[in-house]
C-alpha atoms as a PDB file:
ATOM      1  CA  MET A   1     -33.486   9.875   0.781  1.00  0.00           C
ATOM      2  CA  GLU A   2     -33.524   6.396   2.309  1.00  0.00           C
ATOM      3  CA  SER A   3     -30.300   4.624   3.213  1.00  0.00           C
ATOM      4  CA  LEU A   4     -28.909   2.005   0.853  1.00  0.00           C
ATOM      5  CA  ASP A   5     -29.798  -0.720   3.337  1.00  0.00           C
ATOM      6  CA  GLN A   6     -33.426   0.440   3.349  1.00  0.00           C
ATOM      7  CA  ILE A   7     -33.527   0.595  -0.444  1.00  0.00           C
ATOM      8  CA  LYS A   8     -32.047  -2.908  -0.625  1.00  0.00           C
ATOM      9  CA  SER A   9     -34.688  -4.282   1.740  1.00  0.00           C
ATOM     10  CA  ARG A  10     -37.528  -2.664  -0.191  1.00  0.00           C
ATOM     11  CA  ILE A  11     -36.235  -3.987  -3.512  1.00  0.00           C
ATOM     12  CA  GLU A  12     -36.059  -7.509  -2.114  1.00  0.00           C
ATOM     13  CA  ALA A  13     -39.636  -7.183  -0.851  1.00  0.00           C
ATOM     14  CA  ALA A  14     -40.921  -5.773  -4.144  1.00  0.00           C
ATOM     15  CA  VAL A  15     -38.997  -8.118  -6.488  1.00  0.00           C
ATOM     16  CA  PRO A  16     -39.156 -11.698  -5.159  1.00  0.00           C
ATOM     17  CA  GLY A  17     -36.010 -13.687  -5.872  1.00  0.00           C
ATOM     18  CA  ALA A  18     -33.841 -10.658  -6.590  1.00  0.00           C
ATOM     19  CA  LYS A  19     -30.277 -10.980  -5.339  1.00  0.00           C
ATOM     20  CA  ILE A  20     -28.974  -7.654  -4.077  1.00  0.00           C
ATOM     21  CA  ASP A  21     -25.580  -7.026  -2.481  1.00  0.00           C
ATOM     22  CA  ILE A  22     -24.164  -3.779  -1.159  1.00  0.00           C
ATOM     23  CA  VAL A  23     -20.722  -3.086  -2.631  1.00  0.00           C
ATOM     24  CA  PRO A  24     -18.759  -0.774  -0.311  1.00  0.00           C
ATOM     25  CA  ASN A  25     -16.692   2.115  -1.638  1.00  0.00           C
ATOM     26  CA  GLY A  26     -13.649   2.928   0.462  1.00  0.00           C
ATOM     27  CA  SER A  27     -12.897   6.228  -1.287  1.00  0.00           C
ATOM     28  CA  PRO A  28     -13.636   9.618   0.338  1.00  0.00           C
ATOM     29  CA  SER A  29     -16.909   9.787  -1.623  1.00  0.00           C
ATOM     30  CA  GLN A  30     -18.269   6.752   0.245  1.00  0.00           C
ATOM     31  CA  GLN A  31     -20.633   6.146  -2.658  1.00  0.00           C
ATOM     32  CA  HIS A  32     -21.594   2.545  -1.982  1.00  0.00           C
ATOM     33  CA  SER A  33     -23.549   0.725  -4.675  1.00  0.00           C
ATOM     34  CA  LEU A  34     -26.032  -2.089  -5.191  1.00  0.00           C
ATOM     35  CA  LEU A  35     -24.985  -5.163  -7.153  1.00  0.00           C
ATOM     36  CA  ILE A  36     -28.082  -6.590  -8.843  1.00  0.00           C
ATOM     37  CA  ASP A  37     -28.403  -9.943 -10.566  1.00  0.00           C
ATOM     38  CA  ASN A  38     -28.991  -9.996 -14.313  1.00  0.00           C
ATOM     39  CA  GLU A  39     -32.093 -12.179 -14.117  1.00  0.00           C
ATOM     40  CA  HIS A  40     -34.052  -9.596 -12.108  1.00  0.00           C
ATOM     41  CA  ALA A  41     -32.259  -6.462 -13.310  1.00  0.00           C
ATOM     42  CA  VAL A  42     -35.125  -5.086 -15.413  1.00  0.00           C
ATOM     43  CA  ALA A  43     -37.675  -5.650 -12.628  1.00  0.00           C
ATOM     44  CA  VAL A  44     -35.352  -3.978 -10.103  1.00  0.00           C
ATOM     45  CA  ALA A  45     -34.781  -1.033 -12.461  1.00  0.00           C
ATOM     46  CA  LYS A  46     -38.535  -0.601 -12.955  1.00  0.00           C
ATOM     47  CA  PHE A  47     -39.056  -0.532  -9.200  1.00  0.00           C
ATOM     48  CA  LEU A  48     -36.336   2.095  -8.713  1.00  0.00           C
ATOM     49  CA  ARG A  49     -37.943   4.294 -11.354  1.00  0.00           C
ATOM     50  CA  VAL A  50     -41.625   4.033 -10.446  1.00  0.00           C
ATOM     51  CA  ASP A  51     -41.433   3.751  -6.645  1.00  0.00           C
ATOM     52  CA  SER A  52     -43.030   6.928  -5.295  1.00  0.00           C
ATOM     53  CA  ALA A  53     -40.394   7.476  -2.593  1.00  0.00           C
ATOM     54  CA  LEU A  54     -37.412   6.984  -4.898  1.00  0.00           C
ATOM     55  CA  CYS A  55     -38.651   7.976  -8.377  1.00  0.00           C
ATOM     56  CA  LEU A  56     -35.186   7.550  -9.924  1.00  0.00           C
ATOM     57  CA  ASP A  57     -36.261   8.863 -13.300  1.00  0.00           C
ATOM     58  CA  PHE A  58     -32.872   9.951 -14.692  1.00  0.00           C
ATOM     59  CA  CYS A  59     -29.820   7.842 -15.555  1.00  0.00           C
ATOM     60  CA  SER A  60     -27.000  10.361 -15.712  1.00  0.00           C
ATOM     61  CA  ASN A  61     -24.005   8.163 -16.333  1.00  0.00           C
ATOM     62  CA  ILE A  62     -23.016   4.600 -17.208  1.00  0.00           C
ATOM     63  CA  THR A  63     -19.479   3.325 -17.082  1.00  0.00           C
ATOM     64  CA  GLY A  64     -17.658   0.023 -17.281  1.00  0.00           C
ATOM     65  CA  VAL A  65     -15.083  -1.643 -15.057  1.00  0.00           C
ATOM     66  CA  ASP A  66     -12.727  -4.451 -16.034  1.00  0.00           C
ATOM     67  CA  TRP A  67     -11.652  -6.829 -13.267  1.00  0.00           C
ATOM     68  CA  LEU A  68      -8.799  -9.141 -14.253  1.00  0.00           C
ATOM     69  CA  ASP A  69      -8.226 -12.569 -12.741  1.00  0.00           C
ATOM     70  CA  ARG A  70      -6.680 -12.053  -9.331  1.00  0.00           C
ATOM     71  CA  VAL A  71      -5.423 -13.972  -6.347  1.00  0.00           C
ATOM     72  CA  VAL A  72      -6.583 -12.959  -2.870  1.00  0.00           C
ATOM     73  CA  LYS A  73      -4.711 -14.046   0.240  1.00  0.00           C
ATOM     74  CA  LYS A  74      -6.827 -14.917   3.254  1.00  0.00           C
ATOM     75  CA  ALA A  75      -5.886 -15.741   6.834  1.00  0.00           C
ATOM     76  CA  ILE A  76      -7.485 -18.975   7.996  1.00  0.00           C
ATOM     77  CA  LYS A  77      -7.547 -20.195  11.595  1.00  0.00           C
ATOM     78  CA  LEU A  78      -6.977 -23.940  11.996  1.00  0.00           C
ATOM     79  CA  LYS A  79      -6.637 -26.236  14.960  1.00  0.00           C
ATOM     80  CA  LYS A  80      -3.594 -28.496  14.797  1.00  0.00           C
ATOM     81  CA  VAL A  81      -1.757 -30.746  17.179  1.00  0.00           C
ATOM     82  CA  VAL A  82       1.697 -29.297  17.879  1.00  0.00           C
ATOM     83  CA  ASP A  83       4.060 -31.088  20.263  1.00  0.00           C
ATOM     84  CA  GLY A  84       1.181 -33.168  21.535  1.00  0.00           C
ATOM     85  CA  GLN A  85      -1.060 -30.174  22.208  1.00  0.00           C
ATOM     86  CA  GLU A  86      -3.925 -28.814  20.185  1.00  0.00           C
ATOM     87  CA  LYS A  87      -3.237 -25.245  19.168  1.00  0.00           C
ATOM     88  CA  GLU A  88      -4.915 -22.655  16.976  1.00  0.00           C
ATOM     89  CA  ILE A  89      -2.729 -21.890  13.976  1.00  0.00           C
ATOM     90  CA  VAL A  90      -3.190 -19.045  11.515  1.00  0.00           C
ATOM     91  CA  GLU A  91      -2.290 -19.994   7.961  1.00  0.00           C
ATOM     92  CA  THR A  92      -2.450 -18.019   4.741  1.00  0.00           C
ATOM     93  CA  ALA A  93      -4.470 -19.456   1.880  1.00  0.00           C
ATOM     94  CA  GLU A  94      -4.756 -18.155  -1.665  1.00  0.00           C
ATOM     95  CA  GLU A  95      -8.068 -17.901  -3.496  1.00  0.00           C
ATOM     96  CA  LYS A  96      -8.171 -17.319  -7.243  1.00  0.00           C
ATOM     97  CA  ILE A  97     -11.035 -15.048  -8.315  1.00  0.00           C
ATOM     98  CA  PRO A  98     -11.901 -15.221 -12.042  1.00  0.00           C
ATOM     99  CA  GLY A  99     -12.142 -11.907 -13.876  1.00  0.00           C
ATOM    100  CA  TYR A 100     -15.384 -10.246 -14.920  1.00  0.00           C
ATOM    101  CA  LEU A 101     -16.775  -6.984 -16.296  1.00  0.00           C
ATOM    102  CA  GLU A 102     -19.230  -4.575 -14.698  1.00  0.00           C
ATOM    103  CA  ALA A 103     -21.673  -1.972 -15.987  1.00  0.00           C
ATOM    104  CA  ILE A 104     -22.358   0.764 -13.416  1.00  0.00           C
ATOM    105  CA  TYR A 105     -25.359   3.138 -13.533  1.00  0.00           C
ATOM    106  CA  HIS A 106     -25.728   6.439 -11.628  1.00  0.00           C
ATOM    107  CA  LEU A 107     -29.397   7.209 -10.991  1.00  0.00           C
ATOM    108  CA  TYR A 108     -31.042  10.438  -9.845  1.00  0.00           C
ATOM    109  CA  SER A 109     -34.552  11.673  -9.184  1.00  0.00           C
ATOM    110  CA  MET A 110     -35.431  14.845 -11.038  1.00  0.00           C
ATOM    111  CA  THR A 111     -38.783  14.787  -9.252  1.00  0.00           C
ATOM    112  CA  HIS A 112     -37.463  14.625  -5.692  1.00  0.00           C
ATOM    113  CA  LYS A 113     -34.029  16.176  -6.379  1.00  0.00           C
ATOM    114  CA  HIS A 114     -32.053  13.399  -4.749  1.00  0.00           C
ATOM    115  CA  GLY A 115     -29.391  10.817  -5.654  1.00  0.00           C
ATOM    116  CA  PRO A 116     -27.296   9.246  -6.791  1.00  0.00           C
ATOM    117  CA  VAL A 117     -28.269   5.661  -6.236  1.00  0.00           C
ATOM    118  CA  ILE A 118     -25.616   3.548  -7.926  1.00  0.00           C
ATOM    119  CA  ILE A 119     -26.406   0.107  -9.277  1.00  0.00           C
ATOM    120  CA  ARG A 120     -24.102  -2.323 -11.023  1.00  0.00           C
ATOM    121  CA  MET A 121     -24.412  -5.514 -13.035  1.00  0.00           C
ATOM    122  CA  ARG A 122     -21.679  -8.101 -13.433  1.00  0.00           C
ATOM    123  CA  THR A 123     -20.854 -10.465 -16.309  1.00  0.00           C
ATOM    124  CA  ARG A 124     -20.051 -14.104 -15.707  1.00  0.00           C
ATOM    125  CA  ASP A 125     -16.527 -13.728 -17.135  1.00  0.00           C
ATOM    126  CA  ARG A 126     -14.370 -11.625 -19.471  1.00  0.00           C
ATOM    127  CA  ALA A 127     -14.792 -13.868 -22.520  1.00  0.00           C
ATOM    128  CA  GLU A 128     -15.997 -12.666 -25.893  1.00  0.00           C
ATOM    129  CA  GLY A 129     -19.723 -12.157 -25.708  1.00  0.00           C
ATOM    130  CA  ALA A 130     -19.850 -11.319 -21.984  1.00  0.00           C
ATOM    131  CA  ARG A 131     -23.420 -10.195 -21.361  1.00  0.00           C
ATOM    132  CA  VAL A 132     -25.735  -8.250 -19.087  1.00  0.00           C
ATOM    133  CA  VAL A 133     -29.283  -7.075 -19.719  1.00  0.00           C
ATOM    134  CA  SER A 134     -29.929  -3.639 -21.261  1.00  0.00           C
ATOM    135  CA  LEU A 135     -31.677  -1.051 -19.108  1.00  0.00           C
ATOM    136  CA  THR A 136     -32.406   1.250 -22.048  1.00  0.00           C
ATOM    137  CA  PRO A 137     -36.123   0.303 -21.938  1.00  0.00           C
ATOM    138  CA  ILE A 138     -36.222   1.788 -18.411  1.00  0.00           C
ATOM    139  CA  TRP A 139     -34.002   4.847 -18.910  1.00  0.00           C
ATOM    140  CA  ARG A 140     -33.885   6.167 -22.484  1.00  0.00           C
ATOM    141  CA  SER A 141     -30.649   8.023 -21.732  1.00  0.00           C
ATOM    142  CA  ALA A 142     -28.902   4.654 -21.333  1.00  0.00           C
ATOM    143  CA  GLU A 143     -28.930   3.882 -25.065  1.00  0.00           C
ATOM    144  CA  PHE A 144     -25.789   5.729 -26.214  1.00  0.00           C
ATOM    145  CA  GLN A 145     -23.957   5.099 -22.948  1.00  0.00           C
ATOM    146  CA  GLU A 146     -24.516   1.344 -23.108  1.00  0.00           C
ATOM    147  CA  ARG A 147     -23.208   1.468 -26.675  1.00  0.00           C
ATOM    148  CA  GLU A 148     -20.084   3.226 -25.406  1.00  0.00           C
ATOM    149  CA  VAL A 149     -19.517   0.566 -22.728  1.00  0.00           C
ATOM    150  CA  PHE A 150     -20.033  -2.127 -25.370  1.00  0.00           C
ATOM    151  CA  ASP A 151     -17.572  -0.398 -27.696  1.00  0.00           C
ATOM    152  CA  LEU A 152     -14.802   0.112 -25.128  1.00  0.00           C
ATOM    153  CA  TYR A 153     -15.245  -2.864 -22.776  1.00  0.00           C
ATOM    154  CA  GLY A 154     -17.004  -5.496 -24.877  1.00  0.00           C
ATOM    155  CA  ILE A 155     -20.054  -5.925 -22.652  1.00  0.00           C
ATOM    156  CA  HIS A 156     -23.041  -7.028 -24.757  1.00  0.00           C
ATOM    157  CA  PHE A 157     -26.334  -5.562 -23.548  1.00  0.00           C
ATOM    158  CA  GLU A 158     -29.132  -8.022 -24.262  1.00  0.00           C
ATOM    159  CA  GLY A 159     -32.261  -6.281 -25.496  1.00  0.00           C
ATOM    160  CA  HIS A 160     -30.464  -3.095 -26.540  1.00  0.00           C
ATOM    161  CA  PRO A 161     -32.259  -1.512 -29.529  1.00  0.00           C
ATOM    162  CA  ASP A 162     -29.077  -0.633 -31.474  1.00  0.00           C
ATOM    163  CA  GLN A 163     -26.033  -2.549 -30.202  1.00  0.00           C
ATOM    164  CA  ARG A 164     -23.078  -1.364 -32.318  1.00  0.00           C
ATOM    165  CA  ARG A 165     -19.880   0.607 -31.938  1.00  0.00           C
ATOM    166  CA  ILE A 166     -20.201   4.312 -31.273  1.00  0.00           C
ATOM    167  CA  LEU A 167     -16.606   5.618 -30.921  1.00  0.00           C
ATOM    168  CA  MET A 168     -14.385   3.140 -32.764  1.00  0.00           C
ATOM    169  CA  TRP A 169     -14.822   2.335 -36.452  1.00  0.00           C
ATOM    170  CA  ASP A 170     -16.673  -0.843 -37.411  1.00  0.00           C
ATOM    171  CA  GLU A 171     -13.589  -2.853 -38.429  1.00  0.00           C
ATOM    172  CA  PHE A 172     -11.738  -2.124 -35.189  1.00  0.00           C
ATOM    173  CA  GLN A 173     -10.756  -5.195 -33.203  1.00  0.00           C
ATOM    174  CA  ASP A 174     -10.694  -5.617 -29.416  1.00  0.00           C
ATOM    175  CA  TYR A 175     -11.846  -3.246 -26.643  1.00  0.00           C
ATOM    176  CA  PRO A 176      -9.563  -0.298 -25.772  1.00  0.00           C
ATOM    177  CA  MET A 177     -10.559   0.151 -22.114  1.00  0.00           C
ATOM    178  CA  ARG A 178      -9.834  -3.410 -21.050  1.00  0.00           C
ATOM    179  CA  LYS A 179      -6.842  -3.650 -18.769  1.00  0.00           C
ATOM    180  CA  ASP A 180      -5.054  -6.229 -20.924  1.00  0.00           C
ATOM    181  CA  TYR A 181      -5.576  -4.295 -24.163  1.00  0.00           C
ATOM    182  CA  ARG A 182      -2.419  -3.734 -26.196  1.00  0.00           C
ATOM    183  CA  GLU A 183      -2.347  -0.818 -28.604  1.00  0.00           C
ATOM    184  CA  PRO A 184      -1.400  -1.799 -32.179  1.00  0.00           C
ATOM    185  CA  ASP A 185       1.227   0.192 -34.019  1.00  0.00           C
ATOM    186  CA  ASP A 186      -0.063  -0.121 -37.576  1.00  0.00           C
ATOM    187  CA  TYR A 187      -3.710   0.980 -37.243  1.00  0.00           C
ATOM    188  CA  GLU A 188      -4.576  -0.831 -40.435  1.00  0.00           C
ATOM    189  CA  TRP A 189      -8.180   0.337 -40.342  1.00  0.00           C
ATOM    190  CA  GLU A 190      -7.610   3.909 -39.165  1.00  0.00           C
ATOM    191  CA  PRO A 191      -9.542   6.045 -41.711  1.00  0.00           C
ATOM    192  CA  THR A 192      -7.436   9.196 -41.239  1.00  0.00           C
ATOM    193  CA  PRO A 193      -4.061   8.393 -39.597  1.00  0.00           C
ATOM    194  CA  HIS A 194      -2.210  11.387 -38.204  1.00  0.00           C
ATOM    195  CA  ASP A 195       0.534  12.471 -35.802  1.00  0.00           C
ATOM    196  CA  GLU A 196       1.885   9.549 -33.729  1.00  0.00           C
ATOM    197  CA  VAL A 197      -0.370   7.061 -35.513  1.00  0.00           C
ATOM    198  CA  LEU A 198       1.064   8.152 -38.871  1.00  0.00           C
ATOM    199  CA  GLU A 199       4.637   7.814 -37.617  1.00  0.00           C
ATOM    200  CA  LYS A 200       3.977   4.301 -36.330  1.00  0.00           C
ATOM    201  CA  ALA A 201       2.263   3.315 -39.565  1.00  0.00           C
ATOM    202  CA  LYS A 202       5.235   4.414 -41.684  1.00  0.00           C
ATOM    203  CA  GLY A 203       7.274   1.604 -40.185  1.00  0.00           C
ATOM    204  CA  HIS A 204       4.998  -0.917 -41.895  1.00  0.00           C
ATOM    205  CA  PHE A 205       5.687   0.404 -45.390  1.00  0.00           C
ATOM    206  CA  GLN A 206       8.712  -0.962 -47.242  1.00  0.00           C
ATOM    207  CA  PRO A 207      10.902   1.430 -49.269  1.00  0.00           C
ATOM    208  CA  ARG A 208      10.821   1.050 -53.037  1.00  0.00           C
ATOM    209  CA  PRO A 209      13.826  -0.742 -54.566  1.00  0.00           C
ATOM    210  CA  GLN A 210      16.627   1.552 -55.713  1.00  0.00           C
ATOM    211  CA  ILE A 211      16.801   2.209 -59.433  1.00  0.00           C
ATOM    212  CA  ASP A 212      19.972   3.597 -61.053  1.00  0.00           C
ATOM    213  CA  GLY A 213      21.371   4.644 -57.697  1.00  0.00           C
ATOM    214  CA  ALA A 214      18.228   6.464 -56.610  1.00  0.00           C
ATOM    215  CA  GLU A 215      17.391   6.295 -52.920  1.00  0.00           C
ATOM    216  CA  GLY A 216      14.425   4.267 -51.717  1.00  0.00           C
ATOM    217  CA  ILE A 217      11.216   6.215 -51.311  1.00  0.00           C
ATOM    218  CA  VAL A 218       8.747   5.427 -48.589  1.00  0.00           C
ATOM    219  CA  GLU A 219       5.255   5.052 -49.955  1.00  0.00           C
ATOM    220  CA  PRO A 220       3.081   7.740 -48.309  1.00  0.00           C
ATOM    221  CA  LEU A 221      -0.144   6.848 -46.570  1.00  0.00           C
ATOM    222  CA  LYS A 222      -3.286   7.635 -48.473  1.00  0.00           C
ATOM    223  CA  GLY A 223      -6.067   9.636 -46.850  1.00  0.00           C
END
């Protein structure tokens, strides 16, 4: 299979205006990926699927990543006058990078038996309604997996045929895989509380008032 640099160059030639960046992976797997812009994502995906050399006809896995706001320290070289002489000084500057969410797709070719080629899309921020485009029209296997990423990370996939929760119940609030998610202890909407959830929930029920010296009774959970 072609190198990621070659694939990047061919995408840019085939999809005018597409913005493609190679995102390095420093882990032992060395599985670098392509960051594609949302505006041209569908056109890029179509190219990856129908190109005769790549023929990436199978999307095996989609996952989400939550990047919180972070501060990056950078070394900056400056020229300053010190004791009457111009010298090169290295100073440390801080850059604040706003948080965002990513949807990452692992693509394979069943025809040519090669892969993966990993592509990712990035939201503008982490706010409610953070969006990327759905790639379900290109890879049918993306439908349930995009729903899972929506359910757990809160990424809305524009153009998805059935955008709704798939793991959590409909009344559930928030997104459990976000890094700033805080687990509730009452689980008000849990249909069938059990084990640790049941024990936590008991703390939210008040004992009945004592009558004629009888001890208070904790109201049991229904269901």
